[in-house]
Each structure stands twice: as C-alpha cells, then as structure tokens.
C-alpha cells in the first residue's frame, strides 16, 4: 500500500528541511537493524544534501550492527551523554 500526503504536508516538510541547518536523527532504545539502517541512511541523505546531520542513539547498538556505513559517526547516549544532549539541543529539527 502506498501512502500519499496532501501537497501542503509535503510543502511543510520541504520547508522545514530547507530551513534547518542542523538535524538530529534518533532511534528507539536498543536499535535493531531496521532502526539503524533507517537512521544512518537518512543521515547520509541529509549530509549529501549539505545539511549538518547527526545520528543520536539512546544506547549502543548490538555489535552485529557495527558494520553499517556511518555507524562510527553515530553518538550513543550511554557512551557520550554530554555530546548526544548537545546535538539534540543544537538541532533545528529532530527526526524520531
């Protein structure tokens, strides 16, 4: 099933993305492969578009997910709470 959104919703998201200088993308606690892939993929797309994007994780994902491109740049709150909080505070937009 394909979900479409009204034009005004798409326009609002485009405007938010265009205005945001810094974007944080977060996952749920104990991220699985879907959460990590979605988070890291979105961060990569945003960075390729010229946005300062960061992956902020509530905790370190399991070791079998550490192969994913972009994992090394992700900030896990259980390892660096100060940096993860800083990224969230400084974000103009947060994807959850």
PDB file of N, CA and C in Angstrom:
ATOM      1  N   UNK A   1       0.833  -1.173   0.000  1.00  0.00           N
ATOM      2  CA  UNK A   1       0.000   0.000   0.000  1.00  0.00           C
ATOM      3  C   UNK A   1       0.881   1.240   0.000  1.00  0.00           C
ATOM      4  N   UNK A   2       0.602   2.163  -0.875  1.00  0.00           N
ATOM      5  CA  UNK A   2       1.362   3.410  -0.970  1.00  0.00           C
ATOM      6  C   UNK A   2       0.545   4.515  -0.316  1.00  0.00           C
ATOM      7  N   UNK A   3       1.182   5.220   0.578  1.00  0.00           N
ATOM      8  CA  UNK A   3       0.517   6.332   1.250  1.00  0.00           C
ATOM      9  C   UNK A   3       0.987   7.623   0.618  1.00  0.00           C
ATOM     10  N   UNK A   4       0.053   8.479   0.288  1.00  0.00           N
ATOM     11  CA  UNK A   4       0.408   9.790  -0.244  1.00  0.00           C
ATOM     12  C   UNK A   4      -0.027  10.850   0.750  1.00  0.00           C
ATOM     13  N   UNK A   5       0.610  11.971   0.671  1.00  0.00           N
ATOM     14  CA  UNK A   5       0.302  13.070   1.572  1.00  0.00           C
ATOM     15  C   UNK A   5      -0.189  14.257   0.768  1.00  0.00           C
ATOM     16  N   UNK A   6      -1.065  15.039   1.350  1.00  0.00           N
ATOM     17  CA  UNK A   6      -1.520  16.240   0.654  1.00  0.00           C
ATOM     18  C   UNK A   6      -0.341  17.163   0.347  1.00  0.00           C
ATOM     19  N   UNK A   7      -0.462  17.927  -0.720  1.00  0.00           N
ATOM     20  CA  UNK A   7       0.617  18.834  -1.132  1.00  0.00           C
ATOM     21  C   UNK A   7       1.059  19.747  -0.012  1.00  0.00           C
ATOM     22  N   UNK A   8       0.129  20.248   0.794  1.00  0.00           N
ATOM     23  CA  UNK A   8       0.526  21.182   1.850  1.00  0.00           C
ATOM     24  C   UNK A   8       1.400  20.501   2.911  1.00  0.00           C
ATOM     25  N   UNK A   9       1.207  19.203   3.151  1.00  0.00           N
ATOM     26  CA  UNK A   9       2.071  18.484   4.085  1.00  0.00           C
ATOM     27  C   UNK A   9       3.472  18.314   3.508  1.00  0.00           C
ATOM     28  N   UNK A  10       3.543  17.935   2.233  1.00  0.00           N
ATOM     29  CA  UNK A  10       4.854  17.797   1.582  1.00  0.00           C
ATOM     30  C   UNK A  10       5.578  19.132   1.552  1.00  0.00           C
ATOM     31  N   UNK A  11       4.853  20.192   1.263  1.00  0.00           N
ATOM     32  CA  UNK A  11       5.467  21.522   1.218  1.00  0.00           C
ATOM     33  C   UNK A  11       5.993  21.925   2.590  1.00  0.00           C
ATOM     34  N   UNK A  12       5.278  21.573   3.646  1.00  0.00           N
ATOM     35  CA  UNK A  12       5.720  21.915   5.008  1.00  0.00           C
ATOM     36  C   UNK A  12       7.008  21.160   5.348  1.00  0.00           C
ATOM     37  N   UNK A  13       7.066  19.886   5.004  1.00  0.00           N
ATOM     38  CA  UNK A  13       8.279  19.104   5.279  1.00  0.00           C
ATOM     39  C   UNK A  13       9.450  19.660   4.471  1.00  0.00           C
ATOM     40  N   UNK A  14       9.231  19.985   3.225  1.00  0.00           N
ATOM     41  CA  UNK A  14      10.294  20.570   2.400  1.00  0.00           C
ATOM     42  C   UNK A  14      10.801  21.867   3.018  1.00  0.00           C
ATOM     43  N   UNK A  15       9.874  22.705   3.481  1.00  0.00           N
ATOM     44  CA  UNK A  15      10.263  23.984   4.090  1.00  0.00           C
ATOM     45  C   UNK A  15      11.077  23.751   5.359  1.00  0.00           C
ATOM     46  N   UNK A  16      10.651  22.813   6.190  1.00  0.00           N
ATOM     47  CA  UNK A  16      11.389  22.513   7.417  1.00  0.00           C
ATOM     48  C   UNK A  16      12.796  22.022   7.100  1.00  0.00           C
ATOM     49  N   UNK A  17      12.911  21.149   6.116  1.00  0.00           N
ATOM     50  CA  UNK A  17      14.227  20.637   5.730  1.00  0.00           C
ATOM     51  C   UNK A  17      15.108  21.743   5.166  1.00  0.00           C
ATOM     52  N   UNK A  18      14.518  22.616   4.385  1.00  0.00           N
ATOM     53  CA  UNK A  18      15.276  23.701   3.767  1.00  0.00           C
ATOM     54  C   UNK A  18      15.777  24.698   4.818  1.00  0.00           C
ATOM     55  N   UNK A  19      14.980  24.932   5.849  1.00  0.00           N
ATOM     56  CA  UNK A  19      15.324  25.928   6.876  1.00  0.00           C
ATOM     57  C   UNK A  19      16.313  25.393   7.911  1.00  0.00           C
ATOM     58  N   UNK A  20      16.314  24.089   8.122  1.00  0.00           N
ATOM     59  CA  UNK A  20      17.147  23.500   9.172  1.00  0.00           C
ATOM     60  C   UNK A  20      18.611  23.465   8.760  1.00  0.00           C
ATOM     61  N   UNK A  21      19.457  23.966   9.644  1.00  0.00           N
ATOM     62  CA  UNK A  21      20.901  23.881   9.416  1.00  0.00           C
ATOM     63  C   UNK A  21      21.469  22.613  10.037  1.00  0.00           C
ATOM     64  N   UNK A  22      20.926  22.253  11.194  1.00  0.00           N
ATOM     65  CA  UNK A  22      21.392  21.068  11.920  1.00  0.00           C
ATOM     66  C   UNK A  22      20.195  20.155  12.189  1.00  0.00           C
ATOM     67  N   UNK A  23      20.375  18.893  11.847  1.00  0.00           N
ATOM     68  CA  UNK A  23      19.304  17.917  12.042  1.00  0.00           C
ATOM     69  C   UNK A  23      19.856  16.728  12.811  1.00  0.00           C
ATOM     70  N   UNK A  24      19.102  16.286  13.807  1.00  0.00           N
ATOM     71  CA  UNK A  24      19.438  15.073  14.554  1.00  0.00           C
ATOM     72  C   UNK A  24      18.427  13.996  14.177  1.00  0.00           C
ATOM     73  N   UNK A  25      18.920  12.791  13.983  1.00  0.00           N
ATOM     74  CA  UNK A  25      18.060  11.649  13.683  1.00  0.00           C
ATOM     75  C   UNK A  25      18.261  10.651  14.817  1.00  0.00           C
ATOM     76  N   UNK A  26      17.172  10.267  15.474  1.00  0.00           N
ATOM     77  CA  UNK A  26      17.283   9.376  16.625  1.00  0.00           C
ATOM     78  C   UNK A  26      16.543   8.060  16.369  1.00  0.00           C
ATOM     79  N   UNK A  27      16.950   7.047  17.108  1.00  0.00           N
ATOM     80  CA  UNK A  27      16.303   5.742  17.030  1.00  0.00           C
ATOM     81  C   UNK A  27      15.626   5.441  18.360  1.00  0.00           C
ATOM     82  N   UNK A  28      14.928   4.318  18.403  1.00  0.00           N
ATOM     83  CA  UNK A  28      14.376   3.836  19.666  1.00  0.00           C
ATOM     84  C   UNK A  28      15.476   3.154  20.468  1.00  0.00           C
ATOM     85  N   UNK A  29      15.191   2.908  21.740  1.00  0.00           N
ATOM     86  CA  UNK A  29      16.139   2.224  22.625  1.00  0.00           C
ATOM     87  C   UNK A  29      16.404   0.824  22.086  1.00  0.00           C
ATOM     88  N   UNK A  30      17.613   0.339  22.248  1.00  0.00           N
ATOM     89  CA  UNK A  30      18.038  -0.960  21.716  1.00  0.00           C
ATOM     90  C   UNK A  30      17.738  -1.072  20.219  1.00  0.00           C
ATOM     91  N   UNK A  31      18.346  -0.192  19.420  1.00  0.00           N
ATOM     92  CA  UNK A  31      18.036  -0.173  17.984  1.00  0.00           C
ATOM     93  C   UNK A  31      18.359  -1.500  17.302  1.00  0.00           C
ATOM     94  N   UNK A  32      17.433  -1.908  16.451  1.00  0.00           N
ATOM     95  CA  UNK A  32      17.631  -3.112  15.652  1.00  0.00           C
ATOM     96  C   UNK A  32      18.130  -2.689  14.271  1.00  0.00           C
ATOM     97  N   UNK A  33      18.241  -3.645  13.366  1.00  0.00           N
ATOM     98  CA  UNK A  33      18.763  -3.352  12.031  1.00  0.00           C
ATOM     99  C   UNK A  33      17.916  -2.360  11.264  1.00  0.00           C
ATOM    100  N   UNK A  34      16.590  -2.467  11.381  1.00  0.00           N
ATOM    101  CA  UNK A  34      15.710  -1.520  10.684  1.00  0.00           C
ATOM    102  C   UNK A  34      15.909  -0.100  11.201  1.00  0.00           C
ATOM    103  N   UNK A  35      15.976   0.034  12.515  1.00  0.00           N
ATOM    104  CA  UNK A  35      16.152   1.366  13.111  1.00  0.00           C
ATOM    105  C   UNK A  35      17.496   1.967  12.718  1.00  0.00           C
ATOM    106  N   UNK A  36      18.556   1.158  12.806  1.00  0.00           N
ATOM    107  CA  UNK A  36      19.887   1.651  12.459  1.00  0.00           C
ATOM    108  C   UNK A  36      19.982   1.991  10.983  1.00  0.00           C
ATOM    109  N   UNK A  37      19.469   1.105  10.134  1.00  0.00           N
ATOM    110  CA  UNK A  37      19.530   1.352   8.694  1.00  0.00           C
ATOM    111  C   UNK A  37      18.770   2.606   8.304  1.00  0.00           C
ATOM    112  N   UNK A  38      17.593   2.787   8.880  1.00  0.00           N
ATOM    113  CA  UNK A  38      16.789   3.974   8.576  1.00  0.00           C
ATOM    114  C   UNK A  38      17.486   5.244   9.063  1.00  0.00           C
ATOM    115  N   UNK A  39      17.989   5.183  10.278  1.00  0.00           N
ATOM    116  CA  UNK A  39      18.654   6.348  10.874  1.00  0.00           C
ATOM    117  C   UNK A  39      19.905   6.723  10.084  1.00  0.00           C
ATOM    118  N   UNK A  40      20.784   5.765   9.877  1.00  0.00           N
ATOM    119  CA  UNK A  40      22.041   6.049   9.184  1.00  0.00           C
ATOM    120  C   UNK A  40      21.812   6.426   7.724  1.00  0.00           C
ATOM    121  N   UNK A  41      20.825   5.806   7.101  1.00  0.00           N
ATOM    122  CA  UNK A  41      20.504   6.144   5.711  1.00  0.00           C
ATOM    123  C   UNK A  41      19.997   7.568   5.579  1.00  0.00           C
ATOM    124  N   UNK A  42      19.107   7.973   6.490  1.00  0.00           N
ATOM    125  CA  UNK A  42      18.582   9.343   6.441  1.00  0.00           C
ATOM    126  C   UNK A  42      19.697  10.350   6.714  1.00  0.00           C
ATOM    127  N   UNK A  43      20.557  10.053   7.667  1.00  0.00           N
ATOM    128  CA  UNK A  43      21.686  10.950   7.947  1.00  0.00           C
ATOM    129  C   UNK A  43      22.548  11.108   6.697  1.00  0.00           C
ATOM    130  N   UNK A  44      22.791  10.025   6.007  1.00  0.00           N
ATOM    131  CA  UNK A  44      23.618  10.085   4.788  1.00  0.00           C
ATOM    132  C   UNK A  44      22.958  10.940   3.705  1.00  0.00           C
ATOM    133  N   UNK A  45      21.661  10.752   3.496  1.00  0.00           N
ATOM    134  CA  UNK A  45      20.928  11.551   2.500  1.00  0.00           C
ATOM    135  C   UNK A  45      20.982  13.030   2.878  1.00  0.00           C
ATOM    136  N   UNK A  46      20.753  13.337   4.136  1.00  0.00           N
ATOM    137  CA  UNK A  46      20.771  14.735   4.581  1.00  0.00           C
ATOM    138  C   UNK A  46      22.154  15.355   4.418  1.00  0.00           C
ATOM    139  N   UNK A  47      23.183  14.610   4.765  1.00  0.00           N
ATOM    140  CA  UNK A  47      24.556  15.125   4.603  1.00  0.00           C
ATOM    141  C   UNK A  47      24.885  15.353   3.134  1.00  0.00           C
ATOM    142  N   UNK A  48      24.465  14.427   2.285  1.00  0.00           N
ATOM    143  CA  UNK A  48      24.703  14.599   0.844  1.00  0.00           C
ATOM    144  C   UNK A  48      23.984  15.820   0.295  1.00  0.00           C
ATOM    145  N   UNK A  49      22.920  16.244   0.971  1.00  0.00           N
ATOM    146  CA  UNK A  49      22.181  17.437   0.563  1.00  0.00           C
ATOM    147  C   UNK A  49      22.777  18.707   1.185  1.00  0.00           C
ATOM    148  N   UNK A  50      23.854  18.553   1.961  1.00  0.00           N
ATOM    149  CA  UNK A  50      24.530  19.712   2.522  1.00  0.00           C
ATOM    150  C   UNK A  50      24.103  20.097   3.927  1.00  0.00           C
ATOM    151  N   UNK A  51      23.332  19.259   4.594  1.00  0.00           N
ATOM    152  CA  UNK A  51      22.870  19.547   5.951  1.00  0.00           C
ATOM    153  C   UNK A  51      23.828  18.941   6.963  1.00  0.00           C
ATOM    154  N   UNK A  52      23.999  19.602   8.089  1.00  0.00           N
ATOM    155  CA  UNK A  52      24.772  19.032   9.190  1.00  0.00           C
ATOM    156  C   UNK A  52      23.853  18.076   9.937  1.00  0.00           C
ATOM    157  N   UNK A  53      23.938  16.800   9.632  1.00  0.00           N
ATOM    158  CA  UNK A  53      23.055  15.799  10.223  1.00  0.00           C
ATOM    159  C   UNK A  53      23.849  14.849  11.103  1.00  0.00           C
ATOM    160  N   UNK A  54      23.213  14.413  12.195  1.00  0.00           N
ATOM    161  CA  UNK A  54      23.864  13.507  13.136  1.00  0.00           C
ATOM    162  C   UNK A  54      22.910  12.402  13.543  1.00  0.00           C
ATOM    163  N   UNK A  55      23.467  11.209  13.715  1.00  0.00           N
ATOM    164  CA  UNK A  55      22.714  10.089  14.277  1.00  0.00           C
ATOM    165  C   UNK A  55      22.949  10.093  15.781  1.00  0.00           C
ATOM    166  N   UNK A  56      21.864  10.155  16.551  1.00  0.00           N
ATOM    167  CA  UNK A  56      21.941  10.164  18.007  1.00  0.00           C
ATOM    168  C   UNK A  56      21.168   8.945  18.508  1.00  0.00           C
ATOM    169  N   UNK A  57      21.871   8.050  19.173  1.00  0.00           N
ATOM    170  CA  UNK A  57      21.272   6.797  19.626  1.00  0.00           C
ATOM    171  C   UNK A  57      21.113   6.813  21.141  1.00  0.00           C
ATOM    172  N   UNK A  58      20.006   6.277  21.658  1.00  0.00           N
ATOM    173  CA  UNK A  58      19.845   6.245  23.112  1.00  0.00           C
ATOM    174  C   UNK A  58      20.861   5.327  23.786  1.00  0.00           C
ATOM    175  N   UNK A  59      21.244   4.262  23.080  1.00  0.00           N
ATOM    176  CA  UNK A  59      22.258   3.358  23.620  1.00  0.00           C
ATOM    177  C   UNK A  59      22.988   2.692  22.456  1.00  0.00           C
ATOM    178  N   UNK A  60      24.109   2.085  22.772  1.00  0.00           N
ATOM    179  CA  UNK A  60      24.944   1.451  21.759  1.00  0.00           C
ATOM    180  C   UNK A  60      24.220   0.252  21.148  1.00  0.00           C
ATOM    181  N   UNK A  61      24.170   0.197  19.814  1.00  0.00           N
ATOM    182  CA  UNK A  61      23.514  -0.947  19.177  1.00  0.00           C
ATOM    183  C   UNK A  61      24.359  -2.213  19.336  1.00  0.00           C
ATOM    184  N   UNK A  62      23.748  -3.362  19.109  1.00  0.00           N
ATOM    185  CA  UNK A  62      24.499  -4.614  19.226  1.00  0.00           C
ATOM    186  C   UNK A  62      25.674  -4.659  18.241  1.00  0.00           C
ATOM    187  N   UNK A  63      26.707  -5.374  18.611  1.00  0.00           N
ATOM    188  CA  UNK A  63      27.941  -5.435  17.818  1.00  0.00           C
ATOM    189  C   UNK A  63      27.703  -5.904  16.387  1.00  0.00           C
ATOM    190  N   UNK A  64      26.705  -6.757  16.159  1.00  0.00           N
ATOM    191  CA  UNK A  64      26.498  -7.263  14.802  1.00  0.00           C
ATOM    192  C   UNK A  64      25.967  -6.194  13.846  1.00  0.00           C
ATOM    193  N   UNK A  65      25.662  -4.992  14.354  1.00  0.00           N
ATOM    194  CA  UNK A  65      25.228  -3.885  13.501  1.00  0.00           C
ATOM    195  C   UNK A  65      26.335  -2.855  13.267  1.00  0.00           C
ATOM    196  N   UNK A  66      27.477  -3.051  13.867  1.00  0.00           N
ATOM    197  CA  UNK A  66      28.549  -2.063  13.779  1.00  0.00           C
ATOM    198  C   UNK A  66      29.183  -1.982  12.393  1.00  0.00           C
ATOM    199  N   UNK A  67      28.869  -2.896  11.507  1.00  0.00           N
ATOM    200  CA  UNK A  67      29.397  -2.874  10.138  1.00  0.00           C
ATOM    201  C   UNK A  67      28.724  -1.800   9.286  1.00  0.00           C
ATOM    202  N   UNK A  68      27.587  -1.304   9.711  1.00  0.00           N
ATOM    203  CA  UNK A  68      26.798  -0.395   8.876  1.00  0.00           C
ATOM    204  C   UNK A  68      27.545   0.909   8.594  1.00  0.00           C
ATOM    205  N   UNK A  69      27.543   1.341   7.323  1.00  0.00           N
ATOM    206  CA  UNK A  69      28.188   2.610   6.978  1.00  0.00           C
ATOM    207  C   UNK A  69      27.581   3.758   7.790  1.00  0.00           C
ATOM    208  N   UNK A  70      28.446   4.521   8.420  1.00  0.00           N
ATOM    209  CA  UNK A  70      28.004   5.646   9.235  1.00  0.00           C
ATOM    210  C   UNK A  70      27.945   5.335  10.715  1.00  0.00           C
ATOM    211  N   UNK A  71      28.040   4.059  11.079  1.00  0.00           N
ATOM    212  CA  UNK A  71      27.953   3.688  12.492  1.00  0.00           C
ATOM    213  C   UNK A  71      29.010   4.399  13.335  1.00  0.00           C
ATOM    214  N   UNK A  72      30.211   4.511  12.819  1.00  0.00           N
ATOM    215  CA  UNK A  72      31.311   5.105  13.590  1.00  0.00           C
ATOM    216  C   UNK A  72      31.049   6.561  13.947  1.00  0.00           C
ATOM    217  N   UNK A  73      30.224   7.252  13.152  1.00  0.00           N
ATOM    218  CA  UNK A  73      29.916   8.665  13.421  1.00  0.00           C
ATOM    219  C   UNK A  73      28.721   8.847  14.343  1.00  0.00           C
ATOM    220  N   UNK A  74      27.963   7.779  14.594  1.00  0.00           N
ATOM    221  CA  UNK A  74      26.784   7.881  15.456  1.00  0.00           C
ATOM    222  C   UNK A  74      27.223   8.116  16.899  1.00  0.00           C
ATOM    223  N   UNK A  75      26.423   8.885  17.622  1.00  0.00           N
ATOM    224  CA  UNK A  75      26.720   9.183  19.024  1.00  0.00           C
ATOM    225  C   UNK A  75      25.689   8.466  19.892  1.00  0.00           C
ATOM    226  N   UNK A  76      26.166   7.562  20.734  1.00  0.00           N
ATOM    227  CA  UNK A  76      25.283   6.813  21.637  1.00  0.00           C
ATOM    228  C   UNK A  76      25.288   7.483  23.011  1.00  0.00           C
ATOM    229  N   UNK A  77      24.103   7.747  23.533  1.00  0.00           N
ATOM    230  CA  UNK A  77      23.974   8.458  24.807  1.00  0.00           C
ATOM    231  C   UNK A  77      24.585   7.683  25.971  1.00  0.00           C
ATOM    232  N   UNK A  78      24.577   6.363  25.903  1.00  0.00           N
ATOM    233  CA  UNK A  78      25.159   5.600  27.011  1.00  0.00           C
ATOM    234  C   UNK A  78      26.681   5.692  27.039  1.00  0.00           C
ATOM    235  N   UNK A  79      27.275   6.133  25.944  1.00  0.00           N
ATOM    236  CA  UNK A  79      28.740   6.292  25.889  1.00  0.00           C
ATOM    237  C   UNK A  79      29.172   7.744  25.969  1.00  0.00           C
ATOM    238  N   UNK A  80      28.345   8.645  25.456  1.00  0.00           N
ATOM    239  CA  UNK A  80      28.691  10.073  25.448  1.00  0.00           C
ATOM    240  C   UNK A  80      27.425  10.905  25.612  1.00  0.00           C
ATOM    241  N   UNK A  81      26.930  10.903  26.819  1.00  0.00           N
ATOM    242  CA  UNK A  81      25.676  11.608  27.119  1.00  0.00           C
ATOM    243  C   UNK A  81      25.788  13.110  26.839  1.00  0.00           C
ATOM    244  N   UNK A  82      26.892  13.698  27.199  1.00  0.00           N
ATOM    245  CA  UNK A  82      27.078  15.139  27.001  1.00  0.00           C
ATOM    246  C   UNK A  82      26.978  15.500  25.527  1.00  0.00           C
ATOM    247  N   UNK A  83      27.671  14.768  24.675  1.00  0.00           N
ATOM    248  CA  UNK A  83      27.651  15.057  23.232  1.00  0.00           C
ATOM    249  C   UNK A  83      26.269  14.789  22.634  1.00  0.00           C
ATOM    250  N   UNK A  84      25.621  13.710  23.027  1.00  0.00           N
ATOM    251  CA  UNK A  84      24.297  13.417  22.482  1.00  0.00           C
ATOM    252  C   UNK A  84      23.295  14.499  22.882  1.00  0.00           C
ATOM    253  N   UNK A  85      23.346  14.953  24.119  1.00  0.00           N
ATOM    254  CA  UNK A  85      22.452  16.032  24.559  1.00  0.00           C
ATOM    255  C   UNK A  85      22.756  17.322  23.812  1.00  0.00           C
ATOM    256  N   UNK A  86      24.034  17.600  23.580  1.00  0.00           N
ATOM    257  CA  UNK A  86      24.425  18.800  22.844  1.00  0.00           C
ATOM    258  C   UNK A  86      23.865  18.756  21.420  1.00  0.00           C
ATOM    259  N   UNK A  87      24.000  17.628  20.742  1.00  0.00           N
ATOM    260  CA  UNK A  87      23.486  17.505  19.372  1.00  0.00           C
ATOM    261  C   UNK A  87      21.979  17.726  19.323  1.00  0.00           C
ATOM    262  N   UNK A  88      21.263  17.211  20.310  1.00  0.00           N
ATOM    263  CA  UNK A  88      19.808  17.399  20.347  1.00  0.00           C
ATOM    264  C   UNK A  88      19.436  18.849  20.651  1.00  0.00           C
ATOM    265  N   UNK A  89      20.146  19.467  21.577  1.00  0.00           N
ATOM    266  CA  UNK A  89      19.875  20.882  21.902  1.00  0.00           C
ATOM    267  C   UNK A  89      20.127  21.803  20.722  1.00  0.00           C
ATOM    268  N   UNK A  90      21.194  21.529  19.980  1.00  0.00           N
ATOM    269  CA  UNK A  90      21.591  22.389  18.873  1.00  0.00           C
ATOM    270  C   UNK A  90      20.794  22.126  17.587  1.00  0.00           C
ATOM    271  N   UNK A  91      20.044  21.040  17.556  1.00  0.00           N
ATOM    272  CA  UNK A  91      19.315  20.664  16.337  1.00  0.00           C
ATOM    273  C   UNK A  91      18.158  21.633  16.080  1.00  0.00           C
ATOM    274  N   UNK A  92      18.029  22.033  14.817  1.00  0.00           N
ATOM    275  CA  UNK A  92      16.882  22.825  14.396  1.00  0.00           C
ATOM    276  C   UNK A  92      15.680  21.926  14.113  1.00  0.00           C
ATOM    277  N   UNK A  93      15.975  20.649  13.872  1.00  0.00           N
ATOM    278  CA  UNK A  93      14.947  19.682  13.507  1.00  0.00           C
ATOM    279  C   UNK A  93      15.412  18.310  14.000  1.00  0.00           C
ATOM    280  N   UNK A  94      14.474  17.530  14.556  1.00  0.00           N
ATOM    281  CA  UNK A  94      14.785  16.190  15.034  1.00  0.00           C
ATOM    282  C   UNK A  94      13.832  15.208  14.368  1.00  0.00           C
ATOM    283  N   UNK A  95      14.415  14.164  13.762  1.00  0.00           N
ATOM    284  CA  UNK A  95      13.623  13.066  13.214  1.00  0.00           C
ATOM    285  C   UNK A  95      13.639  11.946  14.230  1.00  0.00           C
ATOM    286  N   UNK A  96      12.479  11.413  14.556  1.00  0.00           N
ATOM    287  CA  UNK A  96      12.391  10.305  15.508  1.00  0.00           C
ATOM    288  C   UNK A  96      11.583   9.178  14.899  1.00  0.00           C
TER     289      UNK A  96
END
